[in-house]
Amino acid sequence: MIFGPSFLQSFLTKAISHCEEQHAILSRNVANINTPCFRAKTLQPFALDKTNKAFGAVCTKTHDRHISVCSEIGNSASVTNMNSEQKPNGNDVNLLEQNSAISSNSTKHALLLSLLNGIFDIRNSVCKGNDA
């Protein structure tokens, strides 16, 4: 089964790592809020299509009405500039945008950890057997 527990565990682990890397970048942005000419950076969205290809699953569009998921989710985890309004000192870090991004990233991270914990709970229940 391609989407079994090991696939989900690996996928969630990679997604959690992506959130942690994004948090480090956003924290660096906030730390440099008064640094002249500093440009705020962010990561591209988590690349679902690359993860699927790594496990042998390929997103295919089999009908004209199907949404092309892989092309819309982002194809790399490269760091890019956020393109915020530039201040007179050349810095473009916006504290409100950064706080919003950090909050959103924190929520995603907590959700992913919760899902991963659920997988471990299910595996633990299966290993223990029926204790009723």
Protein backbone atom coordinates (compact mmCIF):
# COMPACT_ATOMS: atom_id res chain seq x y z
CA MET A 1 0.00 0.00 0.00
CA ILE A 2 1.61 3.26 -1.15
CA PHE A 3 -0.11 5.49 1.41
CA GLY A 4 0.45 3.26 4.43
CA PRO A 5 1.70 4.29 7.87
CA SER A 6 5.37 4.44 6.86
CA PHE A 7 4.57 6.78 3.95
CA LEU A 8 2.51 9.03 6.24
CA GLN A 9 5.18 9.01 8.93
CA SER A 10 7.88 9.96 6.44
CA PHE A 11 5.69 12.63 4.84
CA LEU A 12 4.79 14.16 8.21
CA THR A 13 8.43 14.10 9.34
CA LYS A 14 9.49 15.99 6.21
CA ALA A 15 6.64 18.48 6.62
CA ILE A 16 7.59 19.06 10.28
CA SER A 17 11.21 19.66 9.25
CA HIS A 18 9.99 22.17 6.67
CA CYS A 19 8.00 24.03 9.35
CA GLU A 20 11.03 24.11 11.64
CA GLU A 21 13.23 25.49 8.85
CA GLN A 22 10.57 28.10 8.04
CA HIS A 23 10.43 29.12 11.72
CA ALA A 24 14.21 29.64 11.80
CA ILE A 25 14.03 31.88 8.71
CA LEU A 26 11.11 33.91 10.09
CA SER A 27 12.90 34.31 13.44
CA ARG A 28 15.99 35.55 11.61
CA ASN A 29 13.79 38.10 9.83
CA VAL A 30 12.45 39.43 13.15
CA ALA A 31 15.95 39.51 14.67
CA ASN A 32 17.13 41.70 11.77
CA ILE A 33 14.18 44.09 11.84
CA ASN A 34 16.45 47.15 12.26
CA THR A 35 19.38 45.94 10.14
CA PRO A 36 19.90 48.30 7.19
CA CYS A 37 19.29 46.78 3.75
CA PHE A 38 18.10 43.45 5.20
CA ARG A 39 15.55 41.64 3.03
CA ALA A 40 12.90 39.45 4.66
CA LYS A 41 13.03 35.85 3.43
CA THR A 42 10.65 32.91 3.42
CA LEU A 43 10.56 29.29 2.21
CA GLN A 44 8.55 28.10 -0.74
CA PRO A 45 5.53 25.97 0.28
CA PHE A 46 6.16 22.33 1.16
CA ALA A 47 6.68 20.36 -2.05
CA LEU A 48 4.09 17.59 -1.96
CA ASP A 49 4.83 16.48 -5.51
CA LYS A 50 8.51 15.74 -4.82
CA THR A 51 7.61 13.77 -1.70
CA ASN A 52 5.12 11.66 -3.65
CA LYS A 53 7.61 10.95 -6.44
CA ALA A 54 10.19 9.88 -3.86
CA PHE A 55 7.78 7.16 -2.71
CA GLY A 56 6.72 6.10 -6.18
CA ALA A 57 3.37 7.89 -6.22
CA VAL A 58 2.94 10.30 -9.08
CA CYS A 59 0.21 12.92 -9.33
CA THR A 60 -1.51 12.45 -12.66
CA LYS A 61 -4.25 14.44 -14.26
CA THR A 62 -6.50 11.90 -15.98
CA HIS A 63 -9.37 14.18 -16.92
CA ASP A 64 -9.62 17.79 -18.17
CA ARG A 65 -11.62 18.80 -15.08
CA HIS A 66 -9.07 17.42 -12.61
CA ILE A 67 -7.07 19.99 -10.70
CA SER A 68 -3.35 19.75 -11.30
CA VAL A 69 -2.37 19.52 -7.64
CA CYS A 70 1.35 18.99 -8.06
CA SER A 71 1.95 22.09 -10.11
CA GLU A 72 -0.03 24.28 -7.70
CA ILE A 73 1.57 23.26 -4.42
CA GLY A 74 5.10 24.52 -5.06
CA ASN A 75 8.02 22.62 -6.39
CA SER A 76 10.95 23.51 -4.17
CA ALA A 77 11.87 24.50 -0.67
CA SER A 78 14.14 27.33 -1.76
CA VAL A 79 14.44 30.56 0.18
CA THR A 80 12.94 33.62 -1.51
CA ASN A 81 12.47 37.29 -0.64
CA MET A 82 9.09 38.30 0.78
CA ASN A 83 8.83 41.55 -1.24
CA SER A 84 7.52 43.79 1.53
CA GLU A 85 7.50 47.59 1.48
CA GLN A 86 11.00 48.96 1.84
CA LYS A 87 11.89 51.39 4.69
CA PRO A 88 14.21 54.40 4.19
CA ASN A 89 17.19 52.39 5.54
CA GLY A 90 16.64 49.73 2.86
CA ASN A 91 15.14 47.17 5.26
CA ASP A 92 11.85 45.56 4.21
CA VAL A 93 10.94 43.50 7.32
CA ASN A 94 7.33 44.09 8.38
CA LEU A 95 6.76 42.97 11.98
CA LEU A 96 3.02 42.36 11.50
CA GLU A 97 3.62 40.14 8.45
CA GLN A 98 6.34 38.22 10.29
CA ASN A 99 4.17 37.68 13.38
CA SER A 100 1.31 36.46 11.21
CA ALA A 101 3.60 34.08 9.32
CA ILE A 102 5.13 32.77 12.57
CA SER A 103 1.67 32.18 14.05
CA SER A 104 0.47 30.35 10.94
CA ASN A 105 3.64 28.25 10.83
CA SER A 106 3.30 27.39 14.52
CA THR A 107 -0.28 26.21 13.97
CA LYS A 108 0.81 24.00 11.05
CA HIS A 109 3.66 22.57 13.12
CA ALA A 110 1.33 21.71 16.03
CA LEU A 111 -1.17 20.05 13.67
CA LEU A 112 1.55 17.97 12.00
CA LEU A 113 2.91 16.86 15.39
CA SER A 114 -0.60 15.90 16.46
CA LEU A 115 -1.07 13.78 13.32
CA LEU A 116 2.31 12.10 13.79
CA ASN A 117 1.45 11.37 17.42
CA GLY A 118 -1.80 9.77 16.23
CA ILE A 119 0.14 7.44 13.93
CA PHE A 120 2.36 6.39 16.82
CA ASP A 121 -0.69 5.81 19.04
CA ILE A 122 -2.28 3.59 16.39
CA ARG A 123 0.94 1.59 15.96
CA ASN A 124 1.27 1.25 19.71
CA SER A 125 -2.30 -0.05 20.00
CA VAL A 126 -1.71 -2.59 17.24
CA CYS A 127 1.51 -3.82 18.87
CA LYS A 128 -0.13 -4.25 22.28
CA GLY A 129 -3.04 -6.20 20.87
CA ASN A 130 -6.50 -6.44 22.41
CA ASP A 131 -6.20 -5.74 26.16
CA ALA A 132 -9.96 -5.75 26.80
